[in-house]
Amino acid sequence: MERDCELEIKFAVLEERMNTHEARIDSTLNALRADHNAMRTDIERGQKVQIQWTIGAVVAAVIIIIGAVGLLTQAS
């Protein structure tokens, strides 16, 4: 009987520890999800900026080429 009581106490302690660890794991998982979502947002923002710079560079190159062709045709 006494042995059963000790086992029940040990079981209750282990169950409490398990619940504590489960709560920590859930908390950590939620933090990781928040970080992941923030990182995804940063990546999407970075891709948009990269696209804008690429378009700007292409437009600038076209303008320079048109200007150079215009100068060459006027000189001849």
Protein backbone atom coordinates (compact mmCIF):
# COMPACT_ATOMS: atom_id res chain seq x y z
CA MET A 1 0.00 0.00 0.00
CA GLU A 2 2.78 2.36 0.98
CA ARG A 3 4.63 1.47 -2.22
CA ASP A 4 1.53 2.37 -4.29
CA CYS A 5 1.35 5.74 -2.56
CA GLU A 6 5.03 6.44 -3.35
CA LEU A 7 4.49 5.46 -6.96
CA GLU A 8 1.47 7.74 -7.23
CA ILE A 9 3.49 10.63 -5.82
CA LYS A 10 6.36 9.93 -8.23
CA PHE A 11 3.90 9.66 -11.09
CA ALA A 12 2.32 13.00 -10.14
CA VAL A 13 5.76 14.66 -10.02
CA LEU A 14 6.70 13.23 -13.40
CA GLU A 15 3.39 14.32 -14.88
CA GLU A 16 3.94 17.86 -13.59
CA ARG A 17 7.45 17.90 -15.07
CA MET A 18 6.07 16.65 -18.37
CA ASN A 19 3.45 19.41 -18.39
CA THR A 20 6.13 22.01 -17.65
CA HIS A 21 8.31 20.75 -20.49
CA GLU A 22 5.34 20.66 -22.83
CA ALA A 23 4.54 24.28 -21.98
CA ARG A 24 8.17 25.27 -22.66
CA ILE A 25 8.13 23.44 -25.97
CA ASP A 26 4.88 25.13 -26.99
CA SER A 27 6.29 28.52 -26.04
CA THR A 28 9.49 27.90 -28.00
CA LEU A 29 7.53 26.67 -31.01
CA ASN A 30 5.36 29.80 -30.99
CA ALA A 31 8.47 31.98 -30.81
CA LEU A 32 10.01 30.09 -33.74
CA ARG A 33 6.84 30.52 -35.77
CA ALA A 34 6.86 34.27 -35.08
CA ASP A 35 10.52 34.50 -36.11
CA HIS A 36 9.80 32.49 -39.25
CA ASN A 37 6.94 34.78 -40.23
CA ALA A 38 9.10 37.86 -39.61
CA MET A 39 11.88 36.37 -41.73
CA ARG A 40 9.43 35.57 -44.53
CA THR A 41 8.21 39.17 -44.48
CA ASP A 42 11.79 40.47 -44.61
CA ILE A 43 12.63 38.18 -47.54
CA GLU A 44 9.56 39.29 -49.48
CA ARG A 45 10.42 42.93 -48.82
CA GLY A 46 14.00 42.32 -49.95
CA GLN A 47 12.84 40.65 -53.15
CA LYS A 48 10.63 43.62 -53.99
CA VAL A 49 13.53 46.03 -53.45
CA GLN A 50 15.80 43.84 -55.58
CA ILE A 51 13.24 43.85 -58.41
CA GLN A 52 12.92 47.64 -58.19
CA TRP A 53 16.71 48.08 -58.40
CA THR A 54 16.93 45.69 -61.35
CA ILE A 55 14.20 47.54 -63.24
CA GLY A 56 15.88 50.85 -62.46
CA ALA A 57 19.24 49.56 -63.70
CA VAL A 58 17.68 48.27 -66.95
CA VAL A 59 15.88 51.57 -67.55
CA ALA A 60 19.10 53.50 -66.87
CA ALA A 61 21.05 51.26 -69.27
CA VAL A 62 18.42 51.75 -72.00
CA ILE A 63 18.53 55.52 -71.52
CA ILE A 64 22.34 55.52 -71.71
CA ILE A 65 22.28 53.38 -74.86
CA ILE A 66 19.69 55.64 -76.50
CA GLY A 67 21.74 58.70 -75.56
CA ALA A 68 24.94 57.17 -76.93
CA VAL A 69 23.24 56.18 -80.19
CA GLY A 70 21.79 59.69 -80.46
CA LEU A 71 25.21 61.26 -79.97
CA LEU A 72 26.80 58.93 -82.50
CA THR A 73 24.15 59.65 -85.12
CA GLN A 74 24.48 63.41 -84.62
CA ALA A 75 28.27 63.26 -84.96
CA SER A 76 28.12 61.54 -88.32
